[in-house]
Amino acid sequence: MSLKQITEDIVKLIVLDKDAVEVQEGTDRAGRLITITVAPSDRGKVIGKEGRVISCIRQVVGAAGAKAHTRVMVKVATD
């Protein structure tokens, strides 16, 4: 299972508008960059109170990336 798929599955469990979830994977100087795009009404759910939810998503995806010897950065796209 790819890091993109893991991230997409986690985010789809959190949001209400599952069709609006879009996960893009690219490379950065530091490693892989995963960008999450969700509906504006679901953005707060993905970030969570004081950033707790996105922090947990980053930990899980980062652990999967560490297993593959890759550094992973996860960010939520904002307008």
PDB file of N, CA and C in Angstrom:
ATOM      1  N   MET A   1       0.849  -1.172   0.000  1.00  0.00           N
ATOM      2  CA  MET A   1       0.000   0.000   0.000  1.00  0.00           C
ATOM      3  C   MET A   1       0.900   1.242   0.000  1.00  0.00           C
ATOM      4  N   SER A   2       0.586   2.190  -0.858  1.00  0.00           N
ATOM      5  CA  SER A   2       1.411   3.389  -1.000  1.00  0.00           C
ATOM      6  C   SER A   2       1.068   4.407   0.093  1.00  0.00           C
ATOM      7  N   LEU A   3       1.963   5.350   0.285  1.00  0.00           N
ATOM      8  CA  LEU A   3       1.741   6.401   1.273  1.00  0.00           C
ATOM      9  C   LEU A   3       0.545   7.268   0.892  1.00  0.00           C
ATOM     10  N   LYS A   4       0.376   7.472  -0.397  1.00  0.00           N
ATOM     11  CA  LYS A   4      -0.768   8.248  -0.886  1.00  0.00           C
ATOM     12  C   LYS A   4      -2.076   7.550  -0.532  1.00  0.00           C
ATOM     13  N   GLN A   5      -2.133   6.249  -0.726  1.00  0.00           N
ATOM     14  CA  GLN A   5      -3.339   5.479  -0.439  1.00  0.00           C
ATOM     15  C   GLN A   5      -3.632   5.441   1.059  1.00  0.00           C
ATOM     16  N   ILE A   6      -2.598   5.297   1.870  1.00  0.00           N
ATOM     17  CA  ILE A   6      -2.777   5.298   3.327  1.00  0.00           C
ATOM     18  C   ILE A   6      -3.372   6.628   3.776  1.00  0.00           C
ATOM     19  N   THR A   7      -2.806   7.719   3.273  1.00  0.00           N
ATOM     20  CA  THR A   7      -3.286   9.053   3.640  1.00  0.00           C
ATOM     21  C   THR A   7      -4.728   9.253   3.198  1.00  0.00           C
ATOM     22  N   GLU A   8      -5.037   8.852   1.982  1.00  0.00           N
ATOM     23  CA  GLU A   8      -6.394   9.014   1.458  1.00  0.00           C
ATOM     24  C   GLU A   8      -7.399   8.212   2.279  1.00  0.00           C
ATOM     25  N   ASP A   9      -7.062   7.001   2.652  1.00  0.00           N
ATOM     26  CA  ASP A   9      -7.969   6.174   3.445  1.00  0.00           C
ATOM     27  C   ASP A   9      -8.233   6.789   4.817  1.00  0.00           C
ATOM     28  N   ILE A  10      -7.206   7.321   5.456  1.00  0.00           N
ATOM     29  CA  ILE A  10      -7.374   7.942   6.773  1.00  0.00           C
ATOM     30  C   ILE A  10      -8.260   9.175   6.670  1.00  0.00           C
ATOM     31  N   VAL A  11      -7.999  10.026   5.689  1.00  0.00           N
ATOM     32  CA  VAL A  11      -8.755  11.270   5.552  1.00  0.00           C
ATOM     33  C   VAL A  11     -10.219  10.976   5.212  1.00  0.00           C
ATOM     34  N   LYS A  12     -10.473   9.984   4.393  1.00  0.00           N
ATOM     35  CA  LYS A  12     -11.859   9.647   4.026  1.00  0.00           C
ATOM     36  C   LYS A  12     -12.654   9.146   5.228  1.00  0.00           C
ATOM     37  N   LEU A  13     -11.985   8.606   6.231  1.00  0.00           N
ATOM     38  CA  LEU A  13     -12.680   8.180   7.443  1.00  0.00           C
ATOM     39  C   LEU A  13     -13.105   9.368   8.302  1.00  0.00           C
ATOM     40  N   ILE A  14     -12.451  10.510   8.126  1.00  0.00           N
ATOM     41  CA  ILE A  14     -12.704  11.680   8.963  1.00  0.00           C
ATOM     42  C   ILE A  14     -13.760  12.603   8.376  1.00  0.00           C
ATOM     43  N   VAL A  15     -13.734  12.824   7.073  1.00  0.00           N
ATOM     44  CA  VAL A  15     -14.567  13.856   6.444  1.00  0.00           C
ATOM     45  C   VAL A  15     -15.972  13.359   6.119  1.00  0.00           C
ATOM     46  N   LEU A  16     -16.869  14.314   5.881  1.00  0.00           N
ATOM     47  CA  LEU A  16     -18.229  13.976   5.471  1.00  0.00           C
ATOM     48  C   LEU A  16     -18.334  13.871   3.954  1.00  0.00           C
ATOM     49  N   ASP A  17     -17.675  14.778   3.227  1.00  0.00           N
ATOM     50  CA  ASP A  17     -17.715  14.792   1.768  1.00  0.00           C
ATOM     51  C   ASP A  17     -16.524  14.003   1.215  1.00  0.00           C
ATOM     52  N   LYS A  18     -16.697  12.695   1.124  1.00  0.00           N
ATOM     53  CA  LYS A  18     -15.605  11.809   0.708  1.00  0.00           C
ATOM     54  C   LYS A  18     -15.203  12.006  -0.760  1.00  0.00           C
ATOM     55  N   ASP A  19     -16.140  12.484  -1.583  1.00  0.00           N
ATOM     56  CA  ASP A  19     -15.843  12.700  -2.999  1.00  0.00           C
ATOM     57  C   ASP A  19     -14.910  13.884  -3.224  1.00  0.00           C
ATOM     58  N   ALA A  20     -14.860  14.815  -2.276  1.00  0.00           N
ATOM     59  CA  ALA A  20     -14.027  16.006  -2.430  1.00  0.00           C
ATOM     60  C   ALA A  20     -12.578  15.768  -1.983  1.00  0.00           C
ATOM     61  N   VAL A  21     -12.293  14.600  -1.426  1.00  0.00           N
ATOM     62  CA  VAL A  21     -10.940  14.315  -0.948  1.00  0.00           C
ATOM     63  C   VAL A  21     -10.018  14.066  -2.132  1.00  0.00           C
ATOM     64  N   GLU A  22      -8.912  14.780  -2.140  1.00  0.00           N
ATOM     65  CA  GLU A  22      -7.907  14.614  -3.186  1.00  0.00           C
ATOM     66  C   GLU A  22      -6.530  14.628  -2.521  1.00  0.00           C
ATOM     67  N   VAL A  23      -5.762  13.601  -2.781  1.00  0.00           N
ATOM     68  CA  VAL A  23      -4.422  13.497  -2.206  1.00  0.00           C
ATOM     69  C   VAL A  23      -3.420  13.468  -3.354  1.00  0.00           C
ATOM     70  N   GLN A  24      -2.459  14.382  -3.284  1.00  0.00           N
ATOM     71  CA  GLN A  24      -1.428  14.460  -4.321  1.00  0.00           C
ATOM     72  C   GLN A  24      -0.081  14.165  -3.683  1.00  0.00           C
ATOM     73  N   GLU A  25       0.732  13.436  -4.408  1.00  0.00           N
ATOM     74  CA  GLU A  25       2.054  13.068  -3.908  1.00  0.00           C
ATOM     75  C   GLU A  25       3.119  13.637  -4.839  1.00  0.00           C
ATOM     76  N   GLY A  26       4.116  14.236  -4.252  1.00  0.00           N
ATOM     77  CA  GLY A  26       5.205  14.811  -5.025  1.00  0.00           C
ATOM     78  C   GLY A  26       6.503  14.664  -4.257  1.00  0.00           C
ATOM     79  N   THR A  27       7.544  15.257  -4.786  1.00  0.00           N
ATOM     80  CA  THR A  27       8.832  15.209  -4.097  1.00  0.00           C
ATOM     81  C   THR A  27       9.237  16.616  -3.695  1.00  0.00           C
ATOM     82  N   ASP A  28       9.993  16.672  -2.626  1.00  0.00           N
ATOM     83  CA  ASP A  28      10.499  17.919  -2.089  1.00  0.00           C
ATOM     84  C   ASP A  28      11.979  17.721  -1.808  1.00  0.00           C
ATOM     85  N   ARG A  29      12.657  18.773  -1.423  1.00  0.00           N
ATOM     86  CA  ARG A  29      14.081  18.626  -1.099  1.00  0.00           C
ATOM     87  C   ARG A  29      14.291  17.664   0.067  1.00  0.00           C
ATOM     88  N   ALA A  30      13.351  17.657   0.992  1.00  0.00           N
ATOM     89  CA  ALA A  30      13.487  16.827   2.185  1.00  0.00           C
ATOM     90  C   ALA A  30      12.987  15.399   1.993  1.00  0.00           C
ATOM     91  N   GLY A  31      12.247  15.122   0.936  1.00  0.00           N
ATOM     92  CA  GLY A  31      11.685  13.785   0.713  1.00  0.00           C
ATOM     93  C   GLY A  31      10.374  13.885  -0.038  1.00  0.00           C
ATOM     94  N   ARG A  32       9.400  13.101   0.388  1.00  0.00           N
ATOM     95  CA  ARG A  32       8.086  13.110  -0.260  1.00  0.00           C
ATOM     96  C   ARG A  32       7.184  14.143   0.385  1.00  0.00           C
ATOM     97  N   LEU A  33       6.372  14.772  -0.439  1.00  0.00           N
ATOM     98  CA  LEU A  33       5.402  15.747   0.027  1.00  0.00           C
ATOM     99  C   LEU A  33       4.023  15.262  -0.366  1.00  0.00           C
ATOM    100  N   ILE A  34       3.142  15.098   0.628  1.00  0.00           N
ATOM    101  CA  ILE A  34       1.770  14.667   0.384  1.00  0.00           C
ATOM    102  C   ILE A  34       0.862  15.840   0.731  1.00  0.00           C
ATOM    103  N   THR A  35       0.061  16.263  -0.248  1.00  0.00           N
ATOM    104  CA  THR A  35      -0.845  17.394  -0.067  1.00  0.00           C
ATOM    105  C   THR A  35      -2.283  16.887  -0.058  1.00  0.00           C
ATOM    106  N   ILE A  36      -3.010  17.252   0.978  1.00  0.00           N
ATOM    107  CA  ILE A  36      -4.400  16.835   1.138  1.00  0.00           C
ATOM    108  C   ILE A  36      -5.302  18.009   0.800  1.00  0.00           C
ATOM    109  N   THR A  37      -6.273  17.781  -0.086  1.00  0.00           N
ATOM    110  CA  THR A  37      -7.269  18.786  -0.422  1.00  0.00           C
ATOM    111  C   THR A  37      -8.639  18.219  -0.074  1.00  0.00           C
ATOM    112  N   VAL A  38      -9.401  18.954   0.734  1.00  0.00           N
ATOM    113  CA  VAL A  38     -10.748  18.534   1.125  1.00  0.00           C
ATOM    114  C   VAL A  38     -11.705  19.695   0.928  1.00  0.00           C
ATOM    115  N   ALA A  39     -12.993  19.434   1.089  1.00  0.00           N
ATOM    116  CA  ALA A  39     -14.002  20.486   0.999  1.00  0.00           C
ATOM    117  C   ALA A  39     -13.753  21.506   2.118  1.00  0.00           C
ATOM    118  N   PRO A  40     -14.039  22.773   1.862  1.00  0.00           N
ATOM    119  CA  PRO A  40     -13.818  23.798   2.896  1.00  0.00           C
ATOM    120  C   PRO A  40     -14.533  23.504   4.215  1.00  0.00           C
ATOM    121  N   SER A  41     -15.687  22.872   4.148  1.00  0.00           N
ATOM    122  CA  SER A  41     -16.417  22.561   5.382  1.00  0.00           C
ATOM    123  C   SER A  41     -15.759  21.437   6.184  1.00  0.00           C
ATOM    124  N   ASP A  42     -14.931  20.620   5.544  1.00  0.00           N
ATOM    125  CA  ASP A  42     -14.264  19.512   6.223  1.00  0.00           C
ATOM    126  C   ASP A  42     -12.833  19.844   6.649  1.00  0.00           C
ATOM    127  N   ARG A  43     -12.332  20.998   6.257  1.00  0.00           N
ATOM    128  CA  ARG A  43     -10.943  21.338   6.542  1.00  0.00           C
ATOM    129  C   ARG A  43     -10.662  21.369   8.048  1.00  0.00           C
ATOM    130  N   GLY A  44     -11.598  21.889   8.816  1.00  0.00           N
ATOM    131  CA  GLY A  44     -11.437  21.947  10.270  1.00  0.00           C
ATOM    132  C   GLY A  44     -11.396  20.569  10.903  1.00  0.00           C
ATOM    133  N   LYS A  45     -12.126  19.632  10.350  1.00  0.00           N
ATOM    134  CA  LYS A  45     -12.126  18.270  10.883  1.00  0.00           C
ATOM    135  C   LYS A  45     -10.784  17.587  10.645  1.00  0.00           C
ATOM    136  N   VAL A  46     -10.182  17.866   9.499  1.00  0.00           N
ATOM    137  CA  VAL A  46      -8.890  17.252   9.182  1.00  0.00           C
ATOM    138  C   VAL A  46      -7.784  17.862  10.035  1.00  0.00           C
ATOM    139  N   ILE A  47      -7.857  19.163  10.262  1.00  0.00           N
ATOM    140  CA  ILE A  47      -6.829  19.817  11.080  1.00  0.00           C
ATOM    141  C   ILE A  47      -7.044  19.493  12.552  1.00  0.00           C
ATOM    142  N   GLY A  48      -8.276  19.562  13.017  1.00  0.00           N
ATOM    143  CA  GLY A  48      -8.581  19.219  14.394  1.00  0.00           C
ATOM    144  C   GLY A  48      -8.295  20.349  15.358  1.00  0.00           C
ATOM    145  N   LYS A  49      -8.729  20.171  16.582  1.00  0.00           N
ATOM    146  CA  LYS A  49      -8.527  21.172  17.627  1.00  0.00           C
ATOM    147  C   LYS A  49      -7.048  21.266  17.948  1.00  0.00           C
ATOM    148  N   GLU A  50      -6.502  22.460  17.810  1.00  0.00           N
ATOM    149  CA  GLU A  50      -5.079  22.732  18.048  1.00  0.00           C
ATOM    150  C   GLU A  50      -4.171  21.875  17.166  1.00  0.00           C
ATOM    151  N   GLY A  51      -4.695  21.411  16.011  1.00  0.00           N
ATOM    152  CA  GLY A  51      -3.886  20.642  15.071  1.00  0.00           C
ATOM    153  C   GLY A  51      -3.619  19.210  15.482  1.00  0.00           C
ATOM    154  N   ARG A  52      -4.419  18.682  16.368  1.00  0.00           N
ATOM    155  CA  ARG A  52      -4.176  17.326  16.875  1.00  0.00           C
ATOM    156  C   ARG A  52      -4.421  16.242  15.834  1.00  0.00           C
ATOM    157  N   VAL A  53      -5.470  16.398  15.026  1.00  0.00           N
ATOM    158  CA  VAL A  53      -5.812  15.359  14.049  1.00  0.00           C
ATOM    159  C   VAL A  53      -4.754  15.288  12.952  1.00  0.00           C
ATOM    160  N   ILE A  54      -4.372  16.439  12.395  1.00  0.00           N
ATOM    161  CA  ILE A  54      -3.359  16.429  11.335  1.00  0.00           C
ATOM    162  C   ILE A  54      -2.024  15.957  11.893  1.00  0.00           C
ATOM    163  N   SER A  55      -1.761  16.237  13.145  1.00  0.00           N
ATOM    164  CA  SER A  55      -0.526  15.758  13.767  1.00  0.00           C
ATOM    165  C   SER A  55      -0.507  14.227  13.829  1.00  0.00           C
ATOM    166  N   CYS A  56      -1.633  13.642  14.161  1.00  0.00           N
ATOM    167  CA  CYS A  56      -1.728  12.177  14.208  1.00  0.00           C
ATOM    168  C   CYS A  56      -1.601  11.573  12.813  1.00  0.00           C
ATOM    169  N   ILE A  57      -2.220  12.225  11.828  1.00  0.00           N
ATOM    170  CA  ILE A  57      -2.098  11.751  10.443  1.00  0.00           C
ATOM    171  C   ILE A  57      -0.631  11.791  10.021  1.00  0.00           C
ATOM    172  N   ARG A  58       0.051  12.872  10.366  1.00  0.00           N
ATOM    173  CA  ARG A  58       1.479  12.993  10.024  1.00  0.00           C
ATOM    174  C   ARG A  58       2.306  11.904  10.688  1.00  0.00           C
ATOM    175  N   GLN A  59       1.981  11.567  11.926  1.00  0.00           N
ATOM    176  CA  GLN A  59       2.721  10.513  12.622  1.00  0.00           C
ATOM    177  C   GLN A  59       2.536   9.156  11.958  1.00  0.00           C
ATOM    178  N   VAL A  60       1.311   8.826  11.606  1.00  0.00           N
ATOM    179  CA  VAL A  60       1.031   7.530  10.986  1.00  0.00           C
ATOM    180  C   VAL A  60       1.694   7.427   9.613  1.00  0.00           C
ATOM    181  N   VAL A  61       1.526   8.465   8.796  1.00  0.00           N
ATOM    182  CA  VAL A  61       2.110   8.460   7.458  1.00  0.00           C
ATOM    183  C   VAL A  61       3.638   8.519   7.553  1.00  0.00           C
ATOM    184  N   GLY A  62       4.142   9.274   8.507  1.00  0.00           N
ATOM    185  CA  GLY A  62       5.583   9.348   8.709  1.00  0.00           C
ATOM    186  C   GLY A  62       6.174   8.011   9.132  1.00  0.00           C
ATOM    187  N   ALA A  63       5.452   7.269   9.955  1.00  0.00           N
ATOM    188  CA  ALA A  63       5.923   5.946  10.367  1.00  0.00           C
ATOM    189  C   ALA A  63       5.930   4.981   9.182  1.00  0.00           C
ATOM    190  N   ALA A  64       4.909   5.076   8.331  1.00  0.00           N
ATOM    191  CA  ALA A  64       4.884   4.230   7.134  1.00  0.00           C
ATOM    192  C   ALA A  64       6.021   4.602   6.197  1.00  0.00           C
ATOM    193  N   GLY A  65       6.322   5.891   6.107  1.00  0.00           N
ATOM    194  CA  GLY A  65       7.434   6.340   5.277  1.00  0.00           C
ATOM    195  C   GLY A  65       8.777   5.913   5.849  1.00  0.00           C
ATOM    196  N   ALA A  66       8.909   5.929   7.169  1.00  0.00           N
ATOM    197  CA  ALA A  66      10.154   5.502   7.807  1.00  0.00           C
ATOM    198  C   ALA A  66      10.417   4.027   7.545  1.00  0.00           C
ATOM    199  N   LYS A  67       9.359   3.259   7.482  1.00  0.00           N
ATOM    200  CA  LYS A  67       9.509   1.837   7.179  1.00  0.00           C
ATOM    201  C   LYS A  67      10.076   1.641   5.773  1.00  0.00           C
ATOM    202  N   ALA A  68       9.748   2.584   4.881  1.00  0.00           N
ATOM    203  CA  ALA A  68      10.255   2.536   3.509  1.00  0.00           C
ATOM    204  C   ALA A  68      11.513   3.384   3.345  1.00  0.00           C
ATOM    205  N   HIS A  69      12.074   3.849   4.471  1.00  0.00           N
ATOM    206  CA  HIS A  69      13.290   4.669   4.478  1.00  0.00           C
ATOM    207  C   HIS A  69      13.105   5.963   3.684  1.00  0.00           C
ATOM    208  N   THR A  70      11.949   6.605   3.870  1.00  0.00           N
ATOM    209  CA  THR A  70      11.635   7.838   3.177  1.00  0.00           C
ATOM    210  C   THR A  70      11.086   8.852   4.180  1.00  0.00           C
ATOM    211  N   ARG A  71      11.535  10.074   4.074  1.00  0.00           N
ATOM    212  CA  ARG A  71      10.994  11.146   4.912  1.00  0.00           C
ATOM    213  C   ARG A  71       9.747  11.690   4.232  1.00  0.00           C
ATOM    214  N   VAL A  72       8.671  11.857   5.001  1.00  0.00           N
ATOM    215  CA  VAL A  72       7.394  12.272   4.428  1.00  0.00           C
ATOM    216  C   VAL A  72       6.893  13.520   5.154  1.00  0.00           C
ATOM    217  N   MET A  73       6.427  14.483   4.366  1.00  0.00           N
ATOM    218  CA  MET A  73       5.790  15.678   4.912  1.00  0.00           C
ATOM    219  C   MET A  73       4.346  15.705   4.425  1.00  0.00           C
ATOM    220  N   VAL A  74       3.401  15.964   5.330  1.00  0.00           N
ATOM    221  CA  VAL A  74       1.989  16.003   4.985  1.00  0.00           C
ATOM    222  C   VAL A  74       1.476  17.403   5.273  1.00  0.00           C
ATOM    223  N   LYS A  75       0.764  17.993   4.309  1.00  0.00           N
ATOM    224  CA  LYS A  75       0.170  19.309   4.540  1.00  0.00           C
ATOM    225  C   LYS A  75      -1.237  19.339   3.965  1.00  0.00           C
ATOM    226  N   VAL A  76      -2.060  20.230   4.538  1.00  0.00           N
ATOM    227  CA  VAL A  76      -3.425  20.426   4.087  1.00  0.00           C
ATOM    228  C   VAL A  76      -3.451  21.685   3.221  1.00  0.00           C
ATOM    229  N   ALA A  77      -3.963  21.556   2.020  1.00  0.00           N
ATOM    230  CA  ALA A  77      -4.022  22.685   1.088  1.00  0.00           C
ATOM    231  C   ALA A  77      -5.112  23.646   1.540  1.00  0.00           C
ATOM    232  N   THR A  78      -4.775  24.930   1.530  1.00  0.00           N
ATOM    233  CA  THR A  78      -5.751  25.969   1.861  1.00  0.00           C
ATOM    234  C   THR A  78      -5.828  26.924   0.671  1.00  0.00           C
ATOM    235  N   ASP A  79      -6.945  27.614   0.584  1.00  0.00           N
ATOM    236  CA  ASP A  79      -7.145  28.551  -0.533  1.00  0.00           C
ATOM    237  C   ASP A  79      -6.417  29.843  -0.301  1.00  0.00           C
TER     238      ASP A  79
END
